[in-house]
C-alpha cells in the first residue's frame, strides 16, 4: 500500500482545502488519474494518482484543510 501525499504548493502556501474527490474508496484508479481537487487562496488544482491500483481509503473529507506533506489517501 502507498499513500497519496499533498505535494509542495509553491507560492508559500502551506495548506489547501479538499473541494472534490473524483473517486470513492474501492474504485480502481490509474497512474495520473485526477484523484482530488484542492484549492488554496490563490488557485484550484488537481492532485493526480501517483500509482495504479485500488483506492483503499480516503483519509481527508471534502471541506477539510490539509497541510503540505499530509496523506490524502491510500492506494493498494
PDB file of N, CA and C in Angstrom:
ATOM      1  N   UNK A   1       0.839  -1.189   0.000  1.00  0.00           N
ATOM      2  CA  UNK A   1       0.000   0.000   0.000  1.00  0.00           C
ATOM      3  C   UNK A   1       0.878   1.244   0.000  1.00  0.00           C
ATOM      4  N   UNK A   2       0.361   2.287  -0.610  1.00  0.00           N
ATOM      5  CA  UNK A   2       1.111   3.538  -0.705  1.00  0.00           C
ATOM      6  C   UNK A   2       0.178   4.713  -0.428  1.00  0.00           C
ATOM      7  N   UNK A   3       0.725   5.735   0.183  1.00  0.00           N
ATOM      8  CA  UNK A   3      -0.062   6.922   0.485  1.00  0.00           C
ATOM      9  C   UNK A   3       0.060   7.951  -0.622  1.00  0.00           C
ATOM     10  N   UNK A   4      -1.028   8.677  -0.841  1.00  0.00           N
ATOM     11  CA  UNK A   4      -1.030   9.833  -1.727  1.00  0.00           C
ATOM     12  C   UNK A   4      -0.812  11.050  -0.832  1.00  0.00           C
ATOM     13  N   UNK A   5       0.211  11.831  -1.125  1.00  0.00           N
ATOM     14  CA  UNK A   5       0.638  12.945  -0.274  1.00  0.00           C
ATOM     15  C   UNK A   5       0.334  14.273  -0.972  1.00  0.00           C
ATOM     16  N   UNK A   6      -0.095  15.277  -0.196  1.00  0.00           N
ATOM     17  CA  UNK A   6      -0.266  16.624  -0.745  1.00  0.00           C
ATOM     18  C   UNK A   6       1.121  17.197  -1.026  1.00  0.00           C
ATOM     19  N   UNK A   7       1.416  17.484  -2.306  1.00  0.00           N
ATOM     20  CA  UNK A   7       2.761  17.968  -2.654  1.00  0.00           C
ATOM     21  C   UNK A   7       2.978  19.427  -2.260  1.00  0.00           C
ATOM     22  N   UNK A   8       4.220  19.863  -2.382  1.00  0.00           N
ATOM     23  CA  UNK A   8       4.544  21.281  -2.193  1.00  0.00           C
ATOM     24  C   UNK A   8       3.694  22.115  -3.138  1.00  0.00           C
ATOM     25  N   UNK A   9       3.216  23.254  -2.673  1.00  0.00           N
ATOM     26  CA  UNK A   9       2.287  24.057  -3.451  1.00  0.00           C
ATOM     27  C   UNK A   9       2.925  25.282  -4.083  1.00  0.00           C
ATOM     28  N   UNK A  10       4.104  25.665  -3.622  1.00  0.00           N
ATOM     29  CA  UNK A  10       4.716  26.879  -4.136  1.00  0.00           C
ATOM     30  C   UNK A  10       3.983  28.092  -3.592  1.00  0.00           C
ATOM     31  N   UNK A  11       4.359  29.244  -4.048  1.00  0.00           N
ATOM     32  CA  UNK A  11       3.716  30.493  -3.632  1.00  0.00           C
ATOM     33  C   UNK A  11       3.606  30.613  -2.113  1.00  0.00           C
ATOM     34  N   UNK A  12       4.441  29.893  -1.396  1.00  0.00           N
ATOM     35  CA  UNK A  12       4.484  29.912   0.057  1.00  0.00           C
ATOM     36  C   UNK A  12       3.190  29.447   0.722  1.00  0.00           C
ATOM     37  N   UNK A  13       2.340  28.716  -0.013  1.00  0.00           N
ATOM     38  CA  UNK A  13       1.144  28.127   0.584  1.00  0.00           C
ATOM     39  C   UNK A  13       1.551  26.899   1.381  1.00  0.00           C
ATOM     40  N   UNK A  14       1.004  26.776   2.565  1.00  0.00           N
ATOM     41  CA  UNK A  14       1.339  25.651   3.439  1.00  0.00           C
ATOM     42  C   UNK A  14       0.182  24.668   3.588  1.00  0.00           C
ATOM     43  N   UNK A  15      -1.000  25.036   3.073  1.00  0.00           N
ATOM     44  CA  UNK A  15      -2.138  24.134   3.165  1.00  0.00           C
ATOM     45  C   UNK A  15      -3.105  24.384   2.013  1.00  0.00           C
ATOM     46  N   UNK A  16      -4.033  23.446   1.852  1.00  0.00           N
ATOM     47  CA  UNK A  16      -5.049  23.540   0.812  1.00  0.00           C
ATOM     48  C   UNK A  16      -6.324  22.886   1.331  1.00  0.00           C
ATOM     49  N   UNK A  17      -7.440  23.239   0.723  1.00  0.00           N
ATOM     50  CA  UNK A  17      -8.740  22.692   1.109  1.00  0.00           C
ATOM     51  C   UNK A  17      -9.184  21.653   0.083  1.00  0.00           C
ATOM     52  N   UNK A  18      -9.679  20.517   0.569  1.00  0.00           N
ATOM     53  CA  UNK A  18     -10.222  19.482  -0.307  1.00  0.00           C
ATOM     54  C   UNK A  18     -11.581  19.963  -0.810  1.00  0.00           C
ATOM     55  N   UNK A  19     -11.740  20.049  -2.140  1.00  0.00           N
ATOM     56  CA  UNK A  19     -13.019  20.509  -2.677  1.00  0.00           C
ATOM     57  C   UNK A  19     -13.845  19.394  -3.292  1.00  0.00           C
ATOM     58  N   UNK A  20     -13.184  18.372  -3.888  1.00  0.00           N
ATOM     59  CA  UNK A  20     -13.964  17.324  -4.549  1.00  0.00           C
ATOM     60  C   UNK A  20     -13.102  16.091  -4.786  1.00  0.00           C
ATOM     61  N   UNK A  21     -13.623  14.924  -4.410  1.00  0.00           N
ATOM     62  CA  UNK A  21     -12.978  13.647  -4.735  1.00  0.00           C
ATOM     63  C   UNK A  21     -13.592  13.112  -6.017  1.00  0.00           C
ATOM     64  N   UNK A  22     -12.762  12.719  -6.977  1.00  0.00           N
ATOM     65  CA  UNK A  22     -13.233  12.162  -8.246  1.00  0.00           C
ATOM     66  C   UNK A  22     -13.554  10.673  -8.150  1.00  0.00           C
ATOM     67  N   UNK A  23     -13.021   9.998  -7.137  1.00  0.00           N
ATOM     68  CA  UNK A  23     -13.236   8.573  -6.932  1.00  0.00           C
ATOM     69  C   UNK A  23     -13.689   8.342  -5.498  1.00  0.00           C
ATOM     70  N   UNK A  24     -14.216   7.137  -5.241  1.00  0.00           N
ATOM     71  CA  UNK A  24     -14.567   6.758  -3.875  1.00  0.00           C
ATOM     72  C   UNK A  24     -13.761   5.521  -3.492  1.00  0.00           C
ATOM     73  N   UNK A  25     -13.692   5.244  -2.215  1.00  0.00           N
ATOM     74  CA  UNK A  25     -12.952   4.086  -1.733  1.00  0.00           C
ATOM     75  C   UNK A  25     -13.479   2.833  -2.421  1.00  0.00           C
ATOM     76  N   UNK A  26     -12.560   1.994  -2.861  1.00  0.00           N
ATOM     77  CA  UNK A  26     -12.903   0.765  -3.565  1.00  0.00           C
ATOM     78  C   UNK A  26     -12.789   0.882  -5.076  1.00  0.00           C
ATOM     79  N   UNK A  27     -12.719   2.111  -5.590  1.00  0.00           N
ATOM     80  CA  UNK A  27     -12.582   2.314  -7.034  1.00  0.00           C
ATOM     81  C   UNK A  27     -11.171   1.986  -7.500  1.00  0.00           C
ATOM     82  N   UNK A  28     -11.065   1.529  -8.728  1.00  0.00           N
ATOM     83  CA  UNK A  28      -9.770   1.314  -9.365  1.00  0.00           C
ATOM     84  C   UNK A  28      -9.325   2.617 -10.012  1.00  0.00           C
ATOM     85  N   UNK A  29      -8.082   2.997  -9.773  1.00  0.00           N
ATOM     86  CA  UNK A  29      -7.520   4.215 -10.359  1.00  0.00           C
ATOM     87  C   UNK A  29      -6.271   3.859 -11.153  1.00  0.00           C
ATOM     88  N   UNK A  30      -5.966   4.699 -12.115  1.00  0.00           N
ATOM     89  CA  UNK A  30      -4.759   4.533 -12.911  1.00  0.00           C
ATOM     90  C   UNK A  30      -3.788   5.658 -12.570  1.00  0.00           C
ATOM     91  N   UNK A  31      -2.510   5.390 -12.732  1.00  0.00           N
ATOM     92  CA  UNK A  31      -1.499   6.410 -12.513  1.00  0.00           C
ATOM     93  C   UNK A  31      -1.842   7.643 -13.359  1.00  0.00           C
ATOM     94  N   UNK A  32      -1.752   8.789 -12.752  1.00  0.00           N
ATOM     95  CA  UNK A  32      -2.026  10.107 -13.348  1.00  0.00           C
ATOM     96  C   UNK A  32      -3.505  10.461 -13.468  1.00  0.00           C
ATOM     97  N   UNK A  33      -4.428   9.569 -13.057  1.00  0.00           N
ATOM     98  CA  UNK A  33      -5.837   9.965 -12.960  1.00  0.00           C
ATOM     99  C   UNK A  33      -5.956  11.080 -11.929  1.00  0.00           C
ATOM    100  N   UNK A  34      -6.785  12.076 -12.195  1.00  0.00           N
ATOM    101  CA  UNK A  34      -7.051  13.101 -11.181  1.00  0.00           C
ATOM    102  C   UNK A  34      -7.836  12.465 -10.046  1.00  0.00           C
ATOM    103  N   UNK A  35      -7.281  12.502  -8.835  1.00  0.00           N
ATOM    104  CA  UNK A  35      -7.936  11.905  -7.667  1.00  0.00           C
ATOM    105  C   UNK A  35      -8.806  12.903  -6.925  1.00  0.00           C
ATOM    106  N   UNK A  36      -8.255  14.092  -6.706  1.00  0.00           N
ATOM    107  CA  UNK A  36      -8.919  15.040  -5.815  1.00  0.00           C
ATOM    108  C   UNK A  36      -8.635  16.461  -6.291  1.00  0.00           C
ATOM    109  N   UNK A  37      -9.654  17.309  -6.179  1.00  0.00           N
ATOM    110  CA  UNK A  37      -9.471  18.735  -6.460  1.00  0.00           C
ATOM    111  C   UNK A  37      -9.220  19.448  -5.139  1.00  0.00           C
ATOM    112  N   UNK A  38      -8.222  20.320  -5.153  1.00  0.00           N
ATOM    113  CA  UNK A  38      -7.837  21.088  -3.969  1.00  0.00           C
ATOM    114  C   UNK A  38      -7.862  22.569  -4.329  1.00  0.00           C
ATOM    115  N   UNK A  39      -8.048  23.419  -3.327  1.00  0.00           N
ATOM    116  CA  UNK A  39      -7.957  24.858  -3.561  1.00  0.00           C
ATOM    117  C   UNK A  39      -7.098  25.503  -2.476  1.00  0.00           C
ATOM    118  N   UNK A  40      -6.414  26.562  -2.897  1.00  0.00           N
ATOM    119  CA  UNK A  40      -5.730  27.442  -1.954  1.00  0.00           C
ATOM    120  C   UNK A  40      -6.393  28.805  -2.095  1.00  0.00           C
ATOM    121  N   UNK A  41      -5.877  29.796  -1.395  1.00  0.00           N
ATOM    122  CA  UNK A  41      -6.441  31.136  -1.539  1.00  0.00           C
ATOM    123  C   UNK A  41      -6.122  31.738  -2.903  1.00  0.00           C
ATOM    124  N   UNK A  42      -5.225  31.095  -3.671  1.00  0.00           N
ATOM    125  CA  UNK A  42      -4.816  31.639  -4.968  1.00  0.00           C
ATOM    126  C   UNK A  42      -5.249  30.811  -6.167  1.00  0.00           C
ATOM    127  N   UNK A  43      -5.494  29.510  -5.997  1.00  0.00           N
ATOM    128  CA  UNK A  43      -5.751  28.663  -7.165  1.00  0.00           C
ATOM    129  C   UNK A  43      -6.474  27.372  -6.790  1.00  0.00           C
ATOM    130  N   UNK A  44      -7.071  26.753  -7.811  1.00  0.00           N
ATOM    131  CA  UNK A  44      -7.619  25.401  -7.696  1.00  0.00           C
ATOM    132  C   UNK A  44      -6.732  24.488  -8.536  1.00  0.00           C
ATOM    133  N   UNK A  45      -6.527  23.256  -8.073  1.00  0.00           N
ATOM    134  CA  UNK A  45      -5.674  22.313  -8.796  1.00  0.00           C
ATOM    135  C   UNK A  45      -6.083  20.899  -8.458  1.00  0.00           C
ATOM    136  N   UNK A  46      -5.689  19.957  -9.317  1.00  0.00           N
ATOM    137  CA  UNK A  46      -5.958  18.544  -9.090  1.00  0.00           C
ATOM    138  C   UNK A  46      -4.690  17.842  -8.633  1.00  0.00           C
ATOM    139  N   UNK A  47      -4.856  16.868  -7.753  1.00  0.00           N
ATOM    140  CA  UNK A  47      -3.748  16.006  -7.346  1.00  0.00           C
ATOM    141  C   UNK A  47      -3.934  14.678  -8.080  1.00  0.00           C
ATOM    142  N   UNK A  48      -2.978  14.311  -8.949  1.00  0.00           N
ATOM    143  CA  UNK A  48      -3.103  13.049  -9.686  1.00  0.00           C
ATOM    144  C   UNK A  48      -2.657  11.858  -8.845  1.00  0.00           C
ATOM    145  N   UNK A  49      -3.139  10.698  -9.232  1.00  0.00           N
ATOM    146  CA  UNK A  49      -2.705   9.474  -8.565  1.00  0.00           C
ATOM    147  C   UNK A  49      -1.260   9.171  -8.943  1.00  0.00           C
ATOM    148  N   UNK A  50      -0.406   8.945  -7.960  1.00  0.00           N
ATOM    149  CA  UNK A  50       0.984   8.600  -8.274  1.00  0.00           C
ATOM    150  C   UNK A  50       1.140   7.121  -8.658  1.00  0.00           C
ATOM    151  N   UNK A  51       0.077   6.327  -8.484  1.00  0.00           N
ATOM    152  CA  UNK A  51       0.145   4.884  -8.716  1.00  0.00           C
ATOM    153  C   UNK A  51      -1.160   4.399  -9.347  1.00  0.00           C
ATOM    154  N   UNK A  52      -1.102   3.217  -9.959  1.00  0.00           N
ATOM    155  CA  UNK A  52      -2.308   2.498 -10.374  1.00  0.00           C
ATOM    156  C   UNK A  52      -2.654   1.504  -9.280  1.00  0.00           C
ATOM    157  N   UNK A  53      -3.944   1.285  -9.063  1.00  0.00           N
ATOM    158  CA  UNK A  53      -4.371   0.322  -8.056  1.00  0.00           C
ATOM    159  C   UNK A  53      -5.778   0.607  -7.589  1.00  0.00           C
ATOM    160  N   UNK A  54      -6.075   0.133  -6.395  1.00  0.00           N
ATOM    161  CA  UNK A  54      -7.394   0.335  -5.799  1.00  0.00           C
ATOM    162  C   UNK A  54      -7.286   1.407  -4.725  1.00  0.00           C
ATOM    163  N   UNK A  55      -8.182   2.387  -4.787  1.00  0.00           N
ATOM    164  CA  UNK A  55      -8.235   3.429  -3.764  1.00  0.00           C
ATOM    165  C   UNK A  55      -8.833   2.795  -2.517  1.00  0.00           C
ATOM    166  N   UNK A  56      -7.975   2.422  -1.586  1.00  0.00           N
ATOM    167  CA  UNK A  56      -8.414   1.681  -0.397  1.00  0.00           C
ATOM    168  C   UNK A  56      -9.076   2.565   0.641  1.00  0.00           C
ATOM    169  N   UNK A  57      -8.532   3.772   0.825  1.00  0.00           N
ATOM    170  CA  UNK A  57      -9.052   4.625   1.899  1.00  0.00           C
ATOM    171  C   UNK A  57      -8.824   6.089   1.569  1.00  0.00           C
ATOM    172  N   UNK A  58      -9.850   6.889   1.791  1.00  0.00           N
ATOM    173  CA  UNK A  58      -9.734   8.335   1.690  1.00  0.00           C
ATOM    174  C   UNK A  58      -9.550   8.855   3.108  1.00  0.00           C
ATOM    175  N   UNK A  59      -8.458   9.575   3.345  1.00  0.00           N
ATOM    176  CA  UNK A  59      -8.096   9.984   4.699  1.00  0.00           C
ATOM    177  C   UNK A  59      -8.594  11.373   5.084  1.00  0.00           C
ATOM    178  N   UNK A  60      -8.994  12.173   4.098  1.00  0.00           N
ATOM    179  CA  UNK A  60      -9.496  13.528   4.370  1.00  0.00           C
ATOM    180  C   UNK A  60     -10.801  13.732   3.610  1.00  0.00           C
ATOM    181  N   UNK A  61     -11.683  14.495   4.194  1.00  0.00           N
ATOM    182  CA  UNK A  61     -13.010  14.715   3.615  1.00  0.00           C
ATOM    183  C   UNK A  61     -13.079  16.028   2.849  1.00  0.00           C
ATOM    184  N   UNK A  62     -14.064  16.122   1.965  1.00  0.00           N
ATOM    185  CA  UNK A  62     -14.313  17.388   1.280  1.00  0.00           C
ATOM    186  C   UNK A  62     -14.559  18.467   2.326  1.00  0.00           C
ATOM    187  N   UNK A  63     -13.903  19.603   2.145  1.00  0.00           N
ATOM    188  CA  UNK A  63     -14.007  20.702   3.101  1.00  0.00           C
ATOM    189  C   UNK A  63     -12.886  20.743   4.121  1.00  0.00           C
ATOM    190  N   UNK A  64     -12.130  19.652   4.250  1.00  0.00           N
ATOM    191  CA  UNK A  64     -11.009  19.625   5.194  1.00  0.00           C
ATOM    192  C   UNK A  64      -9.847  20.468   4.681  1.00  0.00           C
ATOM    193  N   UNK A  65      -9.150  21.131   5.593  1.00  0.00           N
ATOM    194  CA  UNK A  65      -7.922  21.852   5.274  1.00  0.00           C
ATOM    195  C   UNK A  65      -6.760  20.917   5.584  1.00  0.00           C
ATOM    196  N   UNK A  66      -5.857  20.754   4.612  1.00  0.00           N
ATOM    197  CA  UNK A  66      -4.772  19.781   4.706  1.00  0.00           C
ATOM    198  C   UNK A  66      -3.433  20.489   4.580  1.00  0.00           C
ATOM    199  N   UNK A  67      -2.476  20.107   5.416  1.00  0.00           N
ATOM    200  CA  UNK A  67      -1.126  20.663   5.378  1.00  0.00           C
ATOM    201  C   UNK A  67      -0.306  19.990   4.274  1.00  0.00           C
ATOM    202  N   UNK A  68       0.611  20.727   3.668  1.00  0.00           N
ATOM    203  CA  UNK A  68       1.554  20.153   2.704  1.00  0.00           C
ATOM    204  C   UNK A  68       2.272  18.983   3.367  1.00  0.00           C
ATOM    205  N   UNK A  69       2.390  17.873   2.645  1.00  0.00           N
ATOM    206  CA  UNK A  69       3.059  16.681   3.171  1.00  0.00           C
ATOM    207  C   UNK A  69       2.132  15.706   3.863  1.00  0.00           C
ATOM    208  N   UNK A  70       0.879  16.093   4.060  1.00  0.00           N
ATOM    209  CA  UNK A  70      -0.081  15.205   4.730  1.00  0.00           C
ATOM    210  C   UNK A  70      -0.596  14.146   3.753  1.00  0.00           C
ATOM    211  N   UNK A  71      -0.957  12.998   4.295  1.00  0.00           N
ATOM    212  CA  UNK A  71      -1.528  11.919   3.485  1.00  0.00           C
ATOM    213  C   UNK A  71      -2.981  12.232   3.161  1.00  0.00           C
ATOM    214  N   UNK A  72      -3.349  12.047   1.893  1.00  0.00           N
ATOM    215  CA  UNK A  72      -4.720  12.273   1.434  1.00  0.00           C
ATOM    216  C   UNK A  72      -5.513  10.989   1.308  1.00  0.00           C
ATOM    217  N   UNK A  73      -4.821   9.923   0.857  1.00  0.00           N
ATOM    218  CA  UNK A  73      -5.499   8.661   0.584  1.00  0.00           C
ATOM    219  C   UNK A  73      -4.473   7.535   0.576  1.00  0.00           C
ATOM    220  N   UNK A  74      -4.995   6.310   0.524  1.00  0.00           N
ATOM    221  CA  UNK A  74      -4.154   5.109   0.452  1.00  0.00           C
ATOM    222  C   UNK A  74      -4.563   4.323  -0.793  1.00  0.00           C
ATOM    223  N   UNK A  75      -3.557   3.948  -1.590  1.00  0.00           N
ATOM    224  CA  UNK A  75      -3.789   3.128  -2.787  1.00  0.00           C
ATOM    225  C   UNK A  75      -3.073   1.804  -2.608  1.00  0.00           C
ATOM    226  N   UNK A  76      -3.766   0.720  -2.943  1.00  0.00           N
ATOM    227  CA  UNK A  76      -3.181  -0.624  -2.835  1.00  0.00           C
ATOM    228  C   UNK A  76      -2.895  -1.153  -4.225  1.00  0.00           C
TER     229      UNK A  76
END
